Structure formats: structure tokens, C-alpha cells
Amino acid sequence: MKQILYMMLGALLLLSTVTACESFEPAGASLREFWGESLVDQTQVNKFNPAKLYGDWTFQSTQVEYWEDGHLVRVEDRDNWFPYRDLSIKESGSLGAEGMTGGRWKYQYNYLFIDLIGRGGSSYLYEVAEVSSSKMVLREESYSIGGPIVTFLQDPSGSHIFCRFTYVR
């Protein structure tokens, strides 16, 4: 009889813990660090007013930069290579992108950090290379899969590849 009582108390405790975690999750999610913040130089200041990012953007083109030992060696135009065609950046911190059910963004250290909902909850970081009333250029370093991530900022030696995504209004 005691075993049944202990099992019931254990189950009740487990269920109350799960319920408490579920109700706490939304508050905790808003405080979560954006992916990639540890990969950027956190002493950088924003080069642009965040208000210039607000609005609806449409993908226009992609260029790929190839760097060797800290020097740009070539730039190539690429067709059909883009993160998303449409991007909507809201002043409230919410974000919409084609094929996503929503997300959030932050502009800090001159990087645009994005967490998207849907398709596995992807997270991205882009250096804001340029932004005006009609054009935005986001720059993303490509990282090796399966090895340690060593950014261009950490060590410019060796090979580094950047994608430059141009959006227009």
C-alpha cells in the first residue's frame, strides 16, 4: 500500500513539475540569448540606426566573397542562393520570413540576430554591411560542419567564405 501511495505522490510531483515548467517557458524564452552572440566581437558598436532595418524587404541578389589569409581574393555572383525571399522586420522585435510562422530579431554589435519559428526553429546571425531607405546588405560567414568554429574575427588566416545577401524595398 505504501508503494502505491509513493508512486502516486511521485507521479503527482512529476506532473506538477511539468506543468510549472510549461507555464514558465514563455517568460524564459524571451530572456534566452540569441544564437551566435558568442561568435561576434561584442565590443563592436552598431553602425546603423536600428529604425533603418524596420519594414518589408525582398531578396535581390547574392554575392560570395572568398578570403585567404585575411585578404579578399575574389567575389562571385550567385543565382538562387538566399536564406529567404521575403523578410519583414518589425519595430516590436518580431520578424516574419517566407515559410516561417514568425520569429524575433535583435540588432546588436552591428549584427542582426534572428530566431525563426518553423522549419526546426532556425537561428541566424548576419553582419549588417549596409542599410539605407531602399537597400539592406546582410553578410554571413560560412562555417565548416563538424569542426570547431573559428570565425574570421578570431583568426583571419586560412580560408573564409562570406555570403552577401542584398535586399531591397
N, C-alpha and C. Protein backbone atom coordinates (compact mmCIF):
# COMPACT_ATOMS: atom_id res chain seq x y z
N MET A 1 0.81 -1.19 0.00
CA MET A 1 0.00 0.00 0.00
C MET A 1 0.87 1.27 0.00
N LYS A 2 1.97 1.24 0.79
CA LYS A 2 2.86 2.38 0.83
C LYS A 2 3.49 2.63 -0.54
N GLN A 3 3.81 1.53 -1.25
CA GLN A 3 4.41 1.69 -2.58
C GLN A 3 3.47 2.40 -3.54
N ILE A 4 2.20 2.05 -3.49
CA ILE A 4 1.21 2.70 -4.36
C ILE A 4 1.09 4.17 -3.98
N LEU A 5 1.08 4.47 -2.70
CA LEU A 5 0.98 5.86 -2.25
C LEU A 5 2.21 6.65 -2.72
N TYR A 6 3.42 6.06 -2.58
CA TYR A 6 4.63 6.73 -3.04
C TYR A 6 4.63 6.92 -4.55
N MET A 7 4.14 5.94 -5.27
CA MET A 7 4.08 6.07 -6.73
C MET A 7 3.11 7.18 -7.13
N MET A 8 1.98 7.25 -6.45
CA MET A 8 1.00 8.30 -6.76
C MET A 8 1.58 9.68 -6.42
N LEU A 9 2.27 9.80 -5.28
CA LEU A 9 2.88 11.07 -4.92
C LEU A 9 3.98 11.46 -5.92
N GLY A 10 4.76 10.47 -6.33
CA GLY A 10 5.81 10.72 -7.33
C GLY A 10 5.22 11.20 -8.64
N ALA A 11 4.15 10.54 -9.09
CA ALA A 11 3.50 10.93 -10.34
C ALA A 11 2.92 12.34 -10.22
N LEU A 12 2.30 12.63 -9.09
CA LEU A 12 1.73 13.95 -8.86
C LEU A 12 2.83 15.02 -8.87
N LEU A 13 3.94 14.73 -8.22
CA LEU A 13 5.07 15.67 -8.20
C LEU A 13 5.63 15.88 -9.61
N LEU A 14 5.77 14.80 -10.36
CA LEU A 14 6.27 14.90 -11.73
C LEU A 14 5.31 15.73 -12.59
N LEU A 15 4.02 15.48 -12.50
CA LEU A 15 3.04 16.25 -13.29
C LEU A 15 3.03 17.72 -12.90
N SER A 16 3.14 18.02 -11.63
CA SER A 16 3.15 19.44 -11.22
C SER A 16 4.42 20.13 -11.69
N THR A 17 5.55 19.41 -11.74
CA THR A 17 6.80 19.99 -12.24
C THR A 17 6.69 20.30 -13.72
N VAL A 18 6.13 19.38 -14.50
CA VAL A 18 5.97 19.59 -15.94
C VAL A 18 5.05 20.77 -16.19
N THR A 19 3.96 20.85 -15.45
CA THR A 19 3.02 21.96 -15.61
C THR A 19 3.70 23.28 -15.27
N ALA A 20 4.49 23.30 -14.19
CA ALA A 20 5.17 24.53 -13.80
C ALA A 20 6.18 24.94 -14.88
N CYS A 21 6.89 23.98 -15.45
CA CYS A 21 7.87 24.31 -16.50
C CYS A 21 7.18 24.85 -17.74
N GLU A 22 6.06 24.26 -18.10
CA GLU A 22 5.35 24.72 -19.29
C GLU A 22 4.86 26.14 -19.11
N SER A 23 4.38 26.48 -17.92
CA SER A 23 3.88 27.84 -17.72
C SER A 23 5.03 28.84 -17.60
N PHE A 24 6.22 28.38 -17.20
CA PHE A 24 7.36 29.27 -17.06
C PHE A 24 8.07 29.49 -18.39
N GLU A 25 7.99 28.58 -19.34
CA GLU A 25 8.73 28.59 -20.59
C GLU A 25 8.62 29.90 -21.37
N PRO A 26 7.44 30.47 -21.59
CA PRO A 26 7.39 31.69 -22.39
C PRO A 26 8.22 32.84 -21.80
N ALA A 27 8.20 33.01 -20.49
CA ALA A 27 8.99 34.07 -19.89
C ALA A 27 10.48 33.78 -20.07
N GLY A 28 10.88 32.55 -19.88
CA GLY A 28 12.27 32.16 -20.05
C GLY A 28 12.72 32.30 -21.49
N ALA A 29 11.84 32.02 -22.44
CA ALA A 29 12.20 32.10 -23.86
C ALA A 29 12.55 33.51 -24.27
N SER A 30 11.86 34.51 -23.70
CA SER A 30 12.14 35.89 -24.09
C SER A 30 13.49 36.36 -23.56
N LEU A 31 14.01 35.69 -22.51
CA LEU A 31 15.29 36.07 -21.94
C LEU A 31 16.45 35.29 -22.56
N ARG A 32 16.15 34.30 -23.37
CA ARG A 32 17.17 33.42 -23.94
C ARG A 32 18.12 34.22 -24.82
N GLU A 33 19.40 33.89 -24.73
CA GLU A 33 20.41 34.53 -25.57
C GLU A 33 20.19 34.11 -27.02
N PHE A 34 20.42 35.00 -27.94
CA PHE A 34 20.34 34.67 -29.35
C PHE A 34 21.54 33.83 -29.74
N TRP A 35 21.34 32.87 -30.64
CA TRP A 35 22.44 32.04 -31.10
C TRP A 35 23.46 32.93 -31.81
N GLY A 36 24.73 32.65 -31.58
CA GLY A 36 25.80 33.34 -32.28
C GLY A 36 26.38 34.54 -31.57
N GLU A 37 25.77 34.98 -30.49
CA GLU A 37 26.30 36.16 -29.80
C GLU A 37 27.73 35.94 -29.33
N SER A 38 28.07 34.71 -28.97
CA SER A 38 29.42 34.42 -28.51
C SER A 38 30.43 34.37 -29.66
N LEU A 39 29.95 34.36 -30.92
CA LEU A 39 30.83 34.28 -32.08
C LEU A 39 31.26 35.64 -32.61
N VAL A 40 30.64 36.71 -32.12
CA VAL A 40 30.94 38.04 -32.68
C VAL A 40 31.75 38.87 -31.69
N ASP A 41 32.37 39.90 -32.19
CA ASP A 41 33.13 40.85 -31.37
C ASP A 41 32.12 41.73 -30.63
N GLN A 42 31.97 41.50 -29.35
CA GLN A 42 30.97 42.21 -28.57
C GLN A 42 31.41 43.61 -28.16
N THR A 43 32.57 44.03 -28.64
CA THR A 43 32.98 45.42 -28.41
C THR A 43 32.55 46.31 -29.57
N GLN A 44 32.07 45.71 -30.66
CA GLN A 44 31.60 46.47 -31.82
C GLN A 44 30.36 47.27 -31.46
N VAL A 45 30.22 48.42 -32.05
CA VAL A 45 29.02 49.23 -31.89
C VAL A 45 28.22 49.16 -33.19
N ASN A 46 26.93 49.37 -33.08
CA ASN A 46 26.08 49.38 -34.27
C ASN A 46 26.46 50.55 -35.17
N LYS A 47 26.61 50.27 -36.45
CA LYS A 47 26.95 51.31 -37.42
C LYS A 47 25.72 52.03 -37.94
N PHE A 48 24.55 51.44 -37.74
CA PHE A 48 23.33 51.98 -38.32
C PHE A 48 22.26 52.14 -37.24
N ASN A 49 21.35 53.06 -37.47
CA ASN A 49 20.20 53.24 -36.61
C ASN A 49 19.28 52.03 -36.81
N PRO A 50 18.88 51.33 -35.74
CA PRO A 50 18.03 50.15 -35.89
C PRO A 50 16.73 50.44 -36.65
N ALA A 51 16.22 51.66 -36.58
CA ALA A 51 14.98 52.01 -37.28
C ALA A 51 15.10 51.84 -38.79
N LYS A 52 16.33 51.92 -39.32
CA LYS A 52 16.52 51.72 -40.76
C LYS A 52 16.26 50.27 -41.18
N LEU A 53 16.30 49.35 -40.21
CA LEU A 53 16.05 47.94 -40.51
C LEU A 53 14.55 47.63 -40.61
N TYR A 54 13.71 48.43 -39.96
CA TYR A 54 12.28 48.15 -39.89
C TYR A 54 11.67 48.16 -41.28
N GLY A 55 10.75 47.21 -41.51
CA GLY A 55 9.99 47.21 -42.74
C GLY A 55 10.07 45.89 -43.49
N ASP A 56 9.51 45.91 -44.68
CA ASP A 56 9.44 44.72 -45.53
C ASP A 56 10.55 44.77 -46.57
N TRP A 57 11.29 43.67 -46.69
CA TRP A 57 12.43 43.57 -47.58
C TRP A 57 12.23 42.38 -48.52
N THR A 58 12.67 42.55 -49.76
CA THR A 58 12.59 41.49 -50.77
C THR A 58 14.01 41.17 -51.25
N PHE A 59 14.32 39.89 -51.29
CA PHE A 59 15.64 39.45 -51.72
C PHE A 59 15.91 39.90 -53.15
N GLN A 60 17.13 40.39 -53.42
CA GLN A 60 17.51 40.81 -54.77
C GLN A 60 18.66 39.97 -55.33
N SER A 61 19.74 39.79 -54.57
CA SER A 61 20.90 39.07 -55.13
C SER A 61 21.81 38.54 -54.04
N THR A 62 22.72 37.64 -54.45
CA THR A 62 23.73 37.08 -53.55
C THR A 62 25.10 37.18 -54.21
N GLN A 63 26.07 37.58 -53.41
CA GLN A 63 27.46 37.51 -53.83
C GLN A 63 28.21 36.68 -52.79
N VAL A 64 29.24 35.97 -53.24
CA VAL A 64 30.07 35.18 -52.34
C VAL A 64 31.48 35.74 -52.37
N GLU A 65 32.01 36.04 -51.18
CA GLU A 65 33.37 36.54 -51.03
C GLU A 65 34.27 35.39 -50.58
N TYR A 66 35.42 35.27 -51.22
CA TYR A 66 36.42 34.26 -50.85
C TYR A 66 37.64 34.98 -50.28
N TRP A 67 38.01 34.62 -49.07
CA TRP A 67 39.13 35.23 -48.37
C TRP A 67 40.21 34.18 -48.09
N GLU A 68 41.46 34.54 -48.28
CA GLU A 68 42.60 33.69 -47.96
C GLU A 68 43.58 34.49 -47.11
N ASP A 69 43.89 33.98 -45.95
CA ASP A 69 44.86 34.60 -45.04
C ASP A 69 44.60 36.10 -44.85
N GLY A 70 43.34 36.44 -44.64
CA GLY A 70 42.97 37.82 -44.34
C GLY A 70 42.80 38.74 -45.52
N HIS A 71 42.91 38.19 -46.76
CA HIS A 71 42.81 39.02 -47.96
C HIS A 71 41.68 38.51 -48.85
N LEU A 72 40.87 39.45 -49.34
CA LEU A 72 39.81 39.12 -50.28
C LEU A 72 40.45 38.72 -51.61
N VAL A 73 40.14 37.50 -52.09
CA VAL A 73 40.76 37.03 -53.33
C VAL A 73 39.81 37.05 -54.52
N ARG A 74 38.50 36.89 -54.27
CA ARG A 74 37.54 37.01 -55.37
C ARG A 74 36.13 37.12 -54.83
N VAL A 75 35.27 37.67 -55.70
CA VAL A 75 33.84 37.81 -55.40
C VAL A 75 33.07 37.24 -56.59
N GLU A 76 32.08 36.41 -56.30
CA GLU A 76 31.27 35.81 -57.36
C GLU A 76 29.79 36.10 -57.12
N ASP A 77 29.05 36.34 -58.19
CA ASP A 77 27.60 36.46 -58.11
C ASP A 77 27.03 35.04 -58.10
N ARG A 78 25.97 34.81 -57.32
CA ARG A 78 25.32 33.51 -57.26
C ARG A 78 23.83 33.66 -57.51
N ASP A 79 23.29 32.79 -58.33
CA ASP A 79 21.85 32.76 -58.58
C ASP A 79 21.20 31.72 -57.66
N ASN A 80 19.98 31.99 -57.26
CA ASN A 80 19.17 31.06 -56.47
C ASN A 80 19.85 30.60 -55.18
N TRP A 81 20.58 31.48 -54.53
CA TRP A 81 21.20 31.18 -53.25
C TRP A 81 20.80 32.30 -52.29
N PHE A 82 19.88 31.99 -51.39
CA PHE A 82 19.35 33.01 -50.49
C PHE A 82 18.80 32.35 -49.24
N PRO A 83 18.76 33.07 -48.12
CA PRO A 83 18.18 32.50 -46.91
C PRO A 83 16.66 32.49 -46.95
N TYR A 84 16.04 33.55 -47.42
CA TYR A 84 14.59 33.66 -47.58
C TYR A 84 14.32 34.81 -48.54
N ARG A 85 13.26 34.70 -49.30
CA ARG A 85 12.95 35.73 -50.31
C ARG A 85 12.39 37.00 -49.69
N ASP A 86 11.47 36.84 -48.76
CA ASP A 86 10.84 38.00 -48.13
C ASP A 86 11.18 38.02 -46.65
N LEU A 87 11.41 39.22 -46.14
CA LEU A 87 11.79 39.41 -44.75
C LEU A 87 11.05 40.65 -44.25
N SER A 88 10.39 40.52 -43.11
CA SER A 88 9.66 41.64 -42.54
C SER A 88 10.15 41.86 -41.10
N ILE A 89 10.83 42.98 -40.89
CA ILE A 89 11.42 43.30 -39.60
C ILE A 89 10.55 44.35 -38.92
N LYS A 90 10.00 43.99 -37.78
CA LYS A 90 9.09 44.87 -37.05
C LYS A 90 9.80 45.59 -35.90
N GLU A 91 9.38 46.80 -35.63
CA GLU A 91 9.95 47.59 -34.55
C GLU A 91 9.80 46.89 -33.20
N SER A 92 8.76 46.08 -33.03
CA SER A 92 8.47 45.40 -31.78
C SER A 92 9.47 44.30 -31.45
N GLY A 93 10.34 43.93 -32.42
CA GLY A 93 11.26 42.82 -32.20
C GLY A 93 10.78 41.53 -32.83
N SER A 94 9.57 41.55 -33.39
CA SER A 94 9.08 40.36 -34.08
C SER A 94 9.55 40.41 -35.53
N LEU A 95 9.52 39.25 -36.16
CA LEU A 95 10.06 39.13 -37.50
C LEU A 95 9.25 38.11 -38.28
N GLY A 96 9.05 38.39 -39.54
CA GLY A 96 8.39 37.44 -40.43
C GLY A 96 9.30 37.13 -41.60
N ALA A 97 9.29 35.88 -42.03
CA ALA A 97 10.08 35.47 -43.18
C ALA A 97 9.28 34.44 -43.95
N GLU A 98 9.50 34.40 -45.26
CA GLU A 98 8.77 33.47 -46.12
C GLU A 98 8.92 32.04 -45.60
N GLY A 99 7.79 31.36 -45.43
CA GLY A 99 7.79 29.98 -44.98
C GLY A 99 7.90 29.80 -43.48
N MET A 100 7.97 30.87 -42.73
CA MET A 100 8.09 30.78 -41.27
C MET A 100 6.81 31.29 -40.63
N THR A 101 6.53 30.78 -39.44
CA THR A 101 5.34 31.22 -38.74
C THR A 101 5.61 32.43 -37.85
N GLY A 102 6.82 32.91 -37.83
CA GLY A 102 7.16 34.09 -37.04
C GLY A 102 8.55 33.96 -36.48
N GLY A 103 8.93 34.94 -35.72
CA GLY A 103 10.25 34.91 -35.11
C GLY A 103 10.54 36.20 -34.39
N ARG A 104 11.79 36.34 -34.00
CA ARG A 104 12.21 37.55 -33.29
C ARG A 104 13.61 37.91 -33.78
N TRP A 105 13.98 39.17 -33.56
CA TRP A 105 15.28 39.66 -34.01
C TRP A 105 15.85 40.63 -33.01
N LYS A 106 17.15 40.85 -33.12
CA LYS A 106 17.85 41.85 -32.31
C LYS A 106 19.01 42.36 -33.15
N TYR A 107 19.26 43.67 -33.10
CA TYR A 107 20.41 44.28 -33.77
C TYR A 107 21.36 44.76 -32.69
N GLN A 108 22.52 44.08 -32.58
CA GLN A 108 23.49 44.43 -31.57
C GLN A 108 24.89 44.05 -32.08
N TYR A 109 25.90 44.83 -31.69
CA TYR A 109 27.30 44.61 -32.11
C TYR A 109 27.42 44.70 -33.64
N ASN A 110 26.53 45.42 -34.29
CA ASN A 110 26.42 45.56 -35.74
C ASN A 110 26.06 44.23 -36.42
N TYR A 111 25.39 43.35 -35.70
CA TYR A 111 24.89 42.08 -36.24
C TYR A 111 23.39 42.00 -36.05
N LEU A 112 22.74 41.39 -37.02
CA LEU A 112 21.32 41.10 -36.94
C LEU A 112 21.19 39.65 -36.51
N PHE A 113 20.65 39.42 -35.32
CA PHE A 113 20.42 38.08 -34.78
C PHE A 113 18.96 37.73 -35.03
N ILE A 114 18.72 36.54 -35.57
CA ILE A 114 17.36 36.12 -35.92
C ILE A 114 17.09 34.73 -35.36
N ASP A 115 15.95 34.58 -34.68
CA ASP A 115 15.41 33.29 -34.28
C ASP A 115 14.08 33.13 -34.97
N LEU A 116 13.92 32.08 -35.77
CA LEU A 116 12.69 31.84 -36.50
C LEU A 116 11.94 30.64 -35.96
N ILE A 117 10.63 30.70 -36.05
CA ILE A 117 9.76 29.61 -35.63
C ILE A 117 9.34 28.87 -36.89
N GLY A 118 9.36 27.57 -36.84
CA GLY A 118 9.02 26.75 -38.01
C GLY A 118 10.28 26.23 -38.65
N ARG A 119 10.16 25.21 -39.44
CA ARG A 119 11.32 24.57 -40.09
C ARG A 119 12.45 24.29 -39.11
N GLY A 120 12.08 23.81 -37.93
CA GLY A 120 13.11 23.45 -36.96
C GLY A 120 13.58 24.59 -36.07
N GLY A 121 12.95 25.75 -36.14
CA GLY A 121 13.33 26.86 -35.27
C GLY A 121 14.73 27.37 -35.53
N SER A 122 15.03 27.69 -36.75
CA SER A 122 16.38 28.09 -37.15
C SER A 122 16.80 29.43 -36.54
N SER A 123 18.10 29.56 -36.31
CA SER A 123 18.69 30.79 -35.81
C SER A 123 19.81 31.22 -36.75
N TYR A 124 19.94 32.53 -36.93
CA TYR A 124 20.93 33.07 -37.87
C TYR A 124 21.58 34.30 -37.27
N LEU A 125 22.77 34.64 -37.76
CA LEU A 125 23.37 35.92 -37.45
C LEU A 125 24.00 36.46 -38.72
N TYR A 126 23.80 37.76 -38.93
CA TYR A 126 24.30 38.44 -40.12
C TYR A 126 24.95 39.75 -39.70
N GLU A 127 26.09 40.03 -40.25
CA GLU A 127 26.68 41.36 -40.09
C GLU A 127 25.87 42.30 -40.98
N VAL A 128 25.51 43.45 -40.47
CA VAL A 128 24.80 44.43 -41.29
C VAL A 128 25.87 45.25 -42.00
N ALA A 129 26.08 44.94 -43.28
CA ALA A 129 27.13 45.58 -44.06
C ALA A 129 26.69 46.94 -44.60
N GLU A 130 25.39 47.06 -44.87
CA GLU A 130 24.87 48.30 -45.46
C GLU A 130 23.36 48.34 -45.22
N VAL A 131 22.84 49.52 -44.96
CA VAL A 131 21.39 49.68 -44.88
C VAL A 131 21.05 51.14 -45.19
N SER A 132 20.05 51.30 -46.06
CA SER A 132 19.55 52.63 -46.41
C SER A 132 18.03 52.52 -46.49
N SER A 133 17.38 53.56 -46.94
CA SER A 133 15.92 53.52 -47.03
C SER A 133 15.44 52.52 -48.08
N SER A 134 16.30 52.13 -49.02
CA SER A 134 15.86 51.25 -50.10
C SER A 134 16.67 49.96 -50.24
N LYS A 135 17.77 49.83 -49.50
CA LYS A 135 18.65 48.66 -49.69
C LYS A 135 19.25 48.22 -48.36
N MET A 136 19.34 46.89 -48.18
CA MET A 136 19.98 46.31 -47.00
C MET A 136 20.88 45.17 -47.47
N VAL A 137 22.12 45.15 -47.00
CA VAL A 137 23.06 44.08 -47.33
C VAL A 137 23.44 43.39 -46.03
N LEU A 138 23.15 42.10 -45.97
CA LEU A 138 23.48 41.27 -44.82
C LEU A 138 24.63 40.35 -45.21
N ARG A 139 25.62 40.26 -44.36
CA ARG A 139 26.82 39.47 -44.65
C ARG A 139 26.90 38.33 -43.64
N GLU A 140 27.09 37.11 -44.15
CA GLU A 140 27.12 35.92 -43.30
C GLU A 140 28.36 35.10 -43.59
N GLU A 141 29.10 34.75 -42.55
CA GLU A 141 30.25 33.88 -42.73
C GLU A 141 29.77 32.43 -42.76
N SER A 142 30.32 31.66 -43.68
CA SER A 142 30.01 30.24 -43.80
C SER A 142 30.98 29.46 -42.92
N TYR A 143 30.44 28.58 -42.06
CA TYR A 143 31.27 27.82 -41.14
C TYR A 143 31.35 26.36 -41.55
N SER A 144 32.45 25.71 -41.22
CA SER A 144 32.63 24.29 -41.51
C SER A 144 31.73 23.46 -40.61
N ILE A 145 31.19 22.40 -41.16
CA ILE A 145 30.36 21.48 -40.40
C ILE A 145 31.25 20.40 -39.81
N GLY A 146 31.07 20.11 -38.54
CA GLY A 146 31.78 19.02 -37.91
C GLY A 146 33.06 19.40 -37.20
N GLY A 147 33.51 20.60 -37.35
CA GLY A 147 34.74 21.02 -36.69
C GLY A 147 34.48 22.20 -35.79
N PRO A 148 35.51 22.65 -35.11
CA PRO A 148 35.33 23.85 -34.28
C PRO A 148 35.09 25.07 -35.17
N ILE A 149 34.28 25.99 -34.69
CA ILE A 149 34.01 27.21 -35.44
C ILE A 149 35.07 28.24 -35.09
N VAL A 150 35.84 28.65 -36.09
CA VAL A 150 36.83 29.70 -35.93
C VAL A 150 36.45 30.80 -36.92
N THR A 151 35.96 31.91 -36.39
CA THR A 151 35.49 32.99 -37.25
C THR A 151 36.67 33.79 -37.81
N PHE A 152 36.37 34.54 -38.84
CA PHE A 152 37.35 35.44 -39.45
C PHE A 152 37.89 36.42 -38.40
N LEU A 153 37.00 36.89 -37.52
CA LEU A 153 37.43 37.82 -36.48
C LEU A 153 38.38 37.17 -35.49
N GLN A 154 38.16 35.89 -35.20
CA GLN A 154 39.03 35.18 -34.27
C GLN A 154 40.39 34.89 -34.90
N ASP A 155 40.40 34.50 -36.18
CA ASP A 155 41.65 34.16 -36.87
C ASP A 155 41.44 34.29 -38.37
N PRO A 156 41.91 35.39 -38.97
CA PRO A 156 41.70 35.58 -40.41
C PRO A 156 42.57 34.69 -41.30
N SER A 157 43.50 33.94 -40.71
CA SER A 157 44.34 33.07 -41.55
C SER A 157 43.51 31.91 -42.09
N GLY A 158 44.01 31.31 -43.16
CA GLY A 158 43.29 30.21 -43.79
C GLY A 158 42.21 30.72 -44.71
N SER A 159 41.28 29.84 -45.04
CA SER A 159 40.19 30.17 -45.97
C SER A 159 38.92 30.53 -45.22
N HIS A 160 38.27 31.59 -45.67
CA HIS A 160 36.98 32.02 -45.11
C HIS A 160 36.07 32.40 -46.28
N ILE A 161 34.79 32.07 -46.13
CA ILE A 161 33.80 32.37 -47.17
C ILE A 161 32.66 33.15 -46.53
N PHE A 162 32.27 34.24 -47.22
CA PHE A 162 31.14 35.07 -46.76
C PHE A 162 30.11 35.15 -47.87
N CYS A 163 28.85 35.12 -47.48
CA CYS A 163 27.75 35.39 -48.41
C CYS A 163 27.23 36.79 -48.12
N ARG A 164 26.98 37.55 -49.19
CA ARG A 164 26.40 38.89 -49.08
C ARG A 164 25.01 38.85 -49.71
N PHE A 165 23.98 38.98 -48.87
CA PHE A 165 22.60 38.94 -49.34
C PHE A 165 22.06 40.37 -49.44
N THR A 166 21.64 40.77 -50.62
CA THR A 166 21.11 42.11 -50.82
C THR A 166 19.59 42.05 -50.87
N TYR A 167 18.97 42.91 -50.07
CA TYR A 167 17.51 43.04 -50.03
C TYR A 167 17.15 44.47 -50.41
N VAL A 168 15.99 44.63 -51.03
CA VAL A 168 15.51 45.95 -51.40
C VAL A 168 14.05 46.10 -50.94
N ARG A 169 13.62 47.37 -50.89
CA ARG A 169 12.20 47.64 -50.56
C ARG A 169 11.48 47.94 -51.83
